[in-house]
Amino acid sequence: MTPSEFAADYNSLLNDCLDFFTDGMRSEHRVFDFSPWDNDDEPEKIAVPEKIEEPVQPVYKPMNAEIEKIPANISPAAKSNTLAMIETGRKILKCQACVLHKNSATRFPGCGAVSSKIFLIAEPVTPTEEKERYALSGAVRAFFDKWLASIGLSEDDLFVTNILKCCLGNTRPSVEMIDTCREHLNTQIELVNPKVIVTLGQLPLSSLKRAGVNLLAEHGKIIKYYERIVFPLFSPALVLANPQLKGPLWEDLKKLKSMLGSS
């Protein structure tokens, strides 16, 4: 199967899902030309270090955060925001606002410094991520680290969280769950005040737009969320499972690098 054929099939599948959740009826959708994906030219190589070093632990570690661990040399504003972020994390850890808390071993507020220029929103927490207490885990995390290294970034440049703060397990995500977590998410975005919000995967993007979207059509394009810049990317898990997406992903990463370097 060629990359364009895969993209067309995936696009059709997404449209069928959107139709099902909207009104249960199949509708006509815009037809996209994915033929440029069949370009035989090998995409520019992503420079990846031979060894991925263990990431430096961020300032904000919500699972065991202690106020006295905040560096003494940060500005009063950064200290105030960090304290507010820790308090928000504590509220999330105690949250029982939706049914997910009943079967979730813990909540995942996220991690990263409040000065991060990228606010990254991943898909709902998996059981493995819940155990490791990080939004990405295993091969997916190693692959994502390569993304960062390819454009000169590391986990120190991010604040990472999930669209839902509890492990989803076998539960189907709902609008009510997402809206319940939205208050926490909006508070964290305001405290970090990032240059760009990056979404990984379909659900985080759909949640911010409050509408069904086609990630194949929207990836790598700037959208707005309360006047903030949002840059959608494929999820690492999807790209690992579908190598045809590595070319489009690399083009998106170059756009992201350009956006971050424009200030």
Protein backbone atom coordinates (compact mmCIF):
# COMPACT_ATOMS: atom_id res chain seq x y z
CA MET A 1 0.00 0.00 0.00
CA THR A 2 1.39 3.40 -0.97
CA PRO A 3 1.47 6.29 1.53
CA SER A 4 -1.32 8.07 -0.38
CA GLU A 5 -3.52 4.96 -0.33
CA PHE A 6 -2.96 4.57 3.41
CA ALA A 7 -3.78 8.24 3.99
CA ALA A 8 -6.95 8.01 1.91
CA ASP A 9 -8.13 4.90 3.79
CA TYR A 10 -7.34 6.49 7.16
CA ASN A 11 -9.11 9.70 6.12
CA SER A 12 -12.21 7.69 5.14
CA LEU A 13 -12.17 5.85 8.46
CA LEU A 14 -11.98 9.12 10.41
CA ASN A 15 -14.86 10.56 8.42
CA ASP A 16 -16.98 7.47 9.14
CA CYS A 17 -16.25 7.85 12.86
CA LEU A 18 -17.18 11.55 12.79
CA ASP A 19 -20.43 10.78 10.97
CA PHE A 20 -21.30 8.08 13.50
CA PHE A 21 -20.78 10.32 16.51
CA THR A 22 -22.53 13.30 14.88
CA ASP A 23 -25.83 11.90 13.66
CA GLY A 24 -25.29 8.24 12.79
CA MET A 25 -25.59 8.94 9.06
CA ARG A 26 -22.87 8.84 6.43
CA SER A 27 -22.27 12.26 4.84
CA GLU A 28 -20.28 13.63 1.92
CA HIS A 29 -16.80 14.88 2.84
CA ARG A 30 -14.09 16.85 1.14
CA VAL A 31 -11.70 14.68 -0.88
CA PHE A 32 -8.02 15.39 -0.24
CA ASP A 33 -5.16 14.77 -2.66
CA PHE A 34 -2.54 12.73 -0.82
CA SER A 35 -0.49 11.92 -3.93
CA PRO A 36 2.44 14.17 -2.83
CA TRP A 37 3.01 11.64 -0.05
CA ASP A 38 4.13 9.14 -2.71
CA ASN A 39 7.23 11.18 -3.51
CA ASP A 40 10.06 8.69 -3.75
CA ASP A 41 12.60 11.21 -2.51
CA GLU A 42 13.76 10.22 0.91
CA PRO A 43 12.73 12.84 3.46
CA GLU A 44 15.42 14.81 5.22
CA LYS A 45 16.93 12.70 7.94
CA ILE A 46 16.12 13.46 11.52
CA ALA A 47 19.35 13.87 13.43
CA VAL A 48 19.09 11.56 16.40
CA PRO A 49 21.74 11.08 19.07
CA GLU A 50 23.02 7.53 19.37
CA LYS A 51 22.09 7.49 23.01
CA ILE A 52 19.10 9.24 24.51
CA GLU A 53 20.12 10.55 27.89
CA GLU A 54 17.76 10.34 30.81
CA PRO A 55 15.78 13.60 30.94
CA VAL A 56 16.60 16.09 33.65
CA GLN A 57 13.88 16.08 36.29
CA PRO A 58 11.69 19.20 35.89
CA VAL A 59 11.15 21.83 38.55
CA TYR A 60 7.52 20.87 38.90
CA LYS A 61 7.09 17.23 39.98
CA PRO A 62 3.44 16.97 40.99
CA MET A 63 3.54 13.42 42.29
CA ASN A 64 5.90 14.35 45.11
CA ALA A 65 6.26 18.10 44.78
CA GLU A 66 7.61 19.96 47.79
CA ILE A 67 7.65 23.74 48.00
CA GLU A 68 11.17 23.82 49.41
CA LYS A 69 12.52 22.22 46.20
CA ILE A 70 11.75 25.36 44.18
CA PRO A 71 15.08 26.99 43.20
CA ALA A 72 15.87 30.08 45.22
CA ASN A 73 17.23 32.02 42.23
CA ILE A 74 14.01 32.23 40.19
CA SER A 75 12.06 35.47 39.85
CA PRO A 76 9.17 36.30 42.21
CA ALA A 77 6.68 35.88 39.34
CA ALA A 78 8.09 32.46 38.40
CA LYS A 79 8.03 31.39 42.04
CA SER A 80 4.42 32.53 42.41
CA ASN A 81 3.36 30.64 39.27
CA THR A 82 5.26 27.53 40.39
CA LEU A 83 3.52 27.58 43.77
CA ALA A 84 0.18 28.04 42.00
CA MET A 85 0.98 25.11 39.70
CA ILE A 86 1.84 22.88 42.65
CA GLU A 87 -1.44 23.82 44.31
CA THR A 88 -3.29 23.04 41.07
CA GLY A 89 -1.52 19.68 40.97
CA ARG A 90 -2.66 18.91 44.50
CA LYS A 91 -6.25 19.72 43.55
CA ILE A 92 -6.01 17.40 40.54
CA LEU A 93 -4.61 14.58 42.70
CA LYS A 94 -7.70 14.86 44.93
CA CYS A 95 -10.22 15.35 42.11
CA GLN A 96 -13.33 13.16 42.13
CA ALA A 97 -15.39 15.23 39.71
CA CYS A 98 -16.07 12.47 37.18
CA VAL A 99 -16.43 8.68 37.12
CA LEU A 100 -12.85 8.05 36.02
CA HIS A 101 -11.47 8.58 39.51
CA LYS A 102 -13.18 5.40 40.73
CA ASN A 103 -10.88 3.09 38.77
CA SER A 104 -7.80 5.28 38.52
CA ALA A 105 -4.88 4.52 40.84
CA THR A 106 -3.80 8.15 40.74
CA ARG A 107 -4.29 11.34 38.76
CA PHE A 108 -1.73 12.77 36.38
CA PRO A 109 -1.41 16.57 36.67
CA GLY A 110 1.60 16.68 34.34
CA CYS A 111 5.20 17.80 34.72
CA GLY A 112 7.51 20.54 33.54
CA ALA A 113 8.62 24.05 34.49
CA VAL A 114 6.17 26.94 34.45
CA SER A 115 8.56 28.79 32.13
CA SER A 116 8.21 26.18 29.37
CA LYS A 117 7.69 27.56 25.87
CA ILE A 118 5.71 24.50 24.77
CA PHE A 119 2.58 23.21 26.50
CA LEU A 120 2.11 19.66 25.25
CA ILE A 121 -1.22 17.85 25.54
CA ALA A 122 -1.10 14.09 25.05
CA GLU A 123 -3.91 11.60 24.66
CA PRO A 124 -5.62 10.05 27.75
CA VAL A 125 -3.39 8.32 30.30
CA THR A 126 -2.70 4.64 29.59
CA PRO A 127 -2.18 2.03 32.36
CA THR A 128 1.57 2.00 31.59
CA GLU A 129 1.76 5.78 31.78
CA GLU A 130 -0.17 5.69 35.04
CA LYS A 131 2.43 3.30 36.45
CA GLU A 132 5.40 5.32 35.19
CA ARG A 133 3.74 8.64 36.05
CA TYR A 134 4.63 10.26 32.76
CA ALA A 135 2.42 11.15 29.80
CA LEU A 136 4.48 9.07 27.36
CA SER A 137 6.10 5.73 28.11
CA GLY A 138 8.28 2.96 26.72
CA ALA A 139 9.02 2.96 22.98
CA VAL A 140 6.61 5.86 22.47
CA ARG A 141 8.58 8.06 24.86
CA ALA A 142 11.92 7.10 23.31
CA PHE A 143 10.53 7.90 19.86
CA PHE A 144 9.15 11.22 21.07
CA ASP A 145 12.55 12.11 22.59
CA LYS A 146 14.00 11.66 19.10
CA TRP A 147 11.44 14.14 17.76
CA LEU A 148 12.60 16.71 20.29
CA ALA A 149 16.30 16.08 19.65
CA SER A 150 15.79 16.47 15.89
CA ILE A 151 14.73 20.11 16.33
CA GLY A 152 17.10 20.96 19.18
CA LEU A 153 14.65 20.53 22.06
CA SER A 154 14.46 18.36 25.16
CA GLU A 155 11.86 17.60 27.81
CA ASP A 156 13.17 20.62 29.73
CA ASP A 157 11.49 22.81 27.10
CA LEU A 158 8.03 21.32 27.71
CA PHE A 159 5.21 21.22 30.16
CA VAL A 160 3.56 17.86 29.48
CA THR A 161 0.10 16.76 30.51
CA ASN A 162 -2.81 14.66 29.25
CA ILE A 163 -6.21 15.73 27.97
CA LEU A 164 -7.72 13.60 30.78
CA LYS A 165 -5.96 13.49 34.15
CA CYS A 166 -7.09 9.96 35.07
CA CYS A 167 -6.35 6.66 33.40
CA LEU A 168 -9.08 5.95 30.85
CA GLY A 169 -8.69 2.15 30.97
CA ASN A 170 -11.56 0.53 29.08
CA THR A 171 -13.85 3.52 29.59
CA ARG A 172 -14.96 5.45 26.53
CA PRO A 173 -14.04 9.17 26.74
CA SER A 174 -16.98 11.55 26.87
CA VAL A 175 -17.53 15.26 26.40
CA GLU A 176 -18.45 15.49 30.11
CA MET A 177 -15.11 14.01 31.17
CA ILE A 178 -13.16 16.34 28.92
CA ASP A 179 -15.08 19.42 30.06
CA THR A 180 -14.54 18.42 33.70
CA CYS A 181 -10.77 18.33 33.15
CA ARG A 182 -10.85 21.50 31.05
CA GLU A 183 -10.90 23.76 34.11
CA HIS A 184 -7.62 22.25 35.35
CA LEU A 185 -6.14 22.36 31.84
CA ASN A 186 -7.01 26.02 31.31
CA THR A 187 -5.50 26.94 34.68
CA GLN A 188 -2.25 25.18 33.79
CA ILE A 189 -2.09 26.84 30.38
CA GLU A 190 -2.51 30.27 31.96
CA LEU A 191 0.25 29.58 34.51
CA VAL A 192 2.73 28.28 31.94
CA ASN A 193 1.78 30.94 29.36
CA PRO A 194 3.51 29.01 26.56
CA LYS A 195 4.43 30.28 23.14
CA VAL A 196 2.62 27.34 21.56
CA ILE A 197 0.30 24.54 22.63
CA VAL A 198 1.16 21.25 20.89
CA THR A 199 -1.46 18.51 20.72
CA LEU A 200 -0.52 14.87 20.11
CA GLY A 201 -3.25 12.88 18.39
CA GLN A 202 -6.90 13.20 17.51
CA LEU A 203 -8.66 13.55 20.87
CA PRO A 204 -6.62 16.46 22.31
CA LEU A 205 -7.13 18.44 19.10
CA SER A 206 -10.86 17.67 18.90
CA SER A 207 -11.21 18.62 22.57
CA LEU A 208 -9.62 22.04 22.10
CA LYS A 209 -11.69 22.77 18.99
CA ARG A 210 -14.82 21.41 20.70
CA ALA A 211 -15.67 19.68 17.43
CA GLY A 212 -14.82 16.58 15.46
CA VAL A 213 -11.73 17.16 13.31
CA ASN A 214 -9.75 15.20 10.78
CA LEU A 215 -6.16 15.06 11.99
CA LEU A 216 -4.88 14.10 8.54
CA ALA A 217 -6.23 17.42 7.27
CA GLU A 218 -5.39 19.55 10.33
CA HIS A 219 -1.89 18.39 11.36
CA GLY A 220 0.83 20.99 11.02
CA LYS A 221 -1.67 23.86 10.74
CA ILE A 222 -2.05 26.61 13.32
CA ILE A 223 -5.40 26.85 15.07
CA LYS A 224 -6.46 29.04 18.00
CA TYR A 225 -7.67 28.15 21.49
CA TYR A 226 -8.76 31.24 23.43
CA GLU A 227 -6.42 33.29 21.22
CA ARG A 228 -3.49 30.96 21.94
CA ILE A 229 -1.58 29.22 19.16
CA VAL A 230 -2.21 25.47 18.88
CA PHE A 231 -0.05 23.27 16.65
CA PRO A 232 -1.43 19.74 16.07
CA LEU A 233 0.89 16.76 15.56
CA PHE A 234 0.31 13.05 15.03
CA SER A 235 0.71 11.01 18.19
CA PRO A 236 4.03 9.12 18.49
CA ALA A 237 2.15 5.83 18.83
CA LEU A 238 0.34 6.40 15.51
CA VAL A 239 3.57 7.23 13.68
CA LEU A 240 5.36 4.22 15.15
CA ALA A 241 2.58 1.99 13.89
CA ASN A 242 2.45 3.71 10.48
CA PRO A 243 5.94 4.63 9.19
CA GLN A 244 4.34 6.31 6.15
CA LEU A 245 3.60 9.24 8.44
CA LYS A 246 7.26 9.94 9.24
CA GLY A 247 7.67 12.20 6.19
CA PRO A 248 4.68 14.45 6.98
CA LEU A 249 5.68 14.43 10.66
CA TRP A 250 9.18 15.66 9.85
CA GLU A 251 7.74 18.54 7.81
CA ASP A 252 5.52 19.46 10.79
CA LEU A 253 8.48 19.36 13.18
CA LYS A 254 10.42 21.74 10.95
CA LYS A 255 7.45 24.12 10.99
CA LEU A 256 7.33 23.91 14.79
CA LYS A 257 11.05 24.66 15.04
CA SER A 258 10.59 27.68 12.80
CA MET A 259 7.68 28.94 14.92
CA LEU A 260 9.70 28.65 18.13
CA GLY A 261 12.67 30.44 16.61
CA SER A 262 10.67 33.36 15.26
CA SER A 263 10.37 35.21 18.55
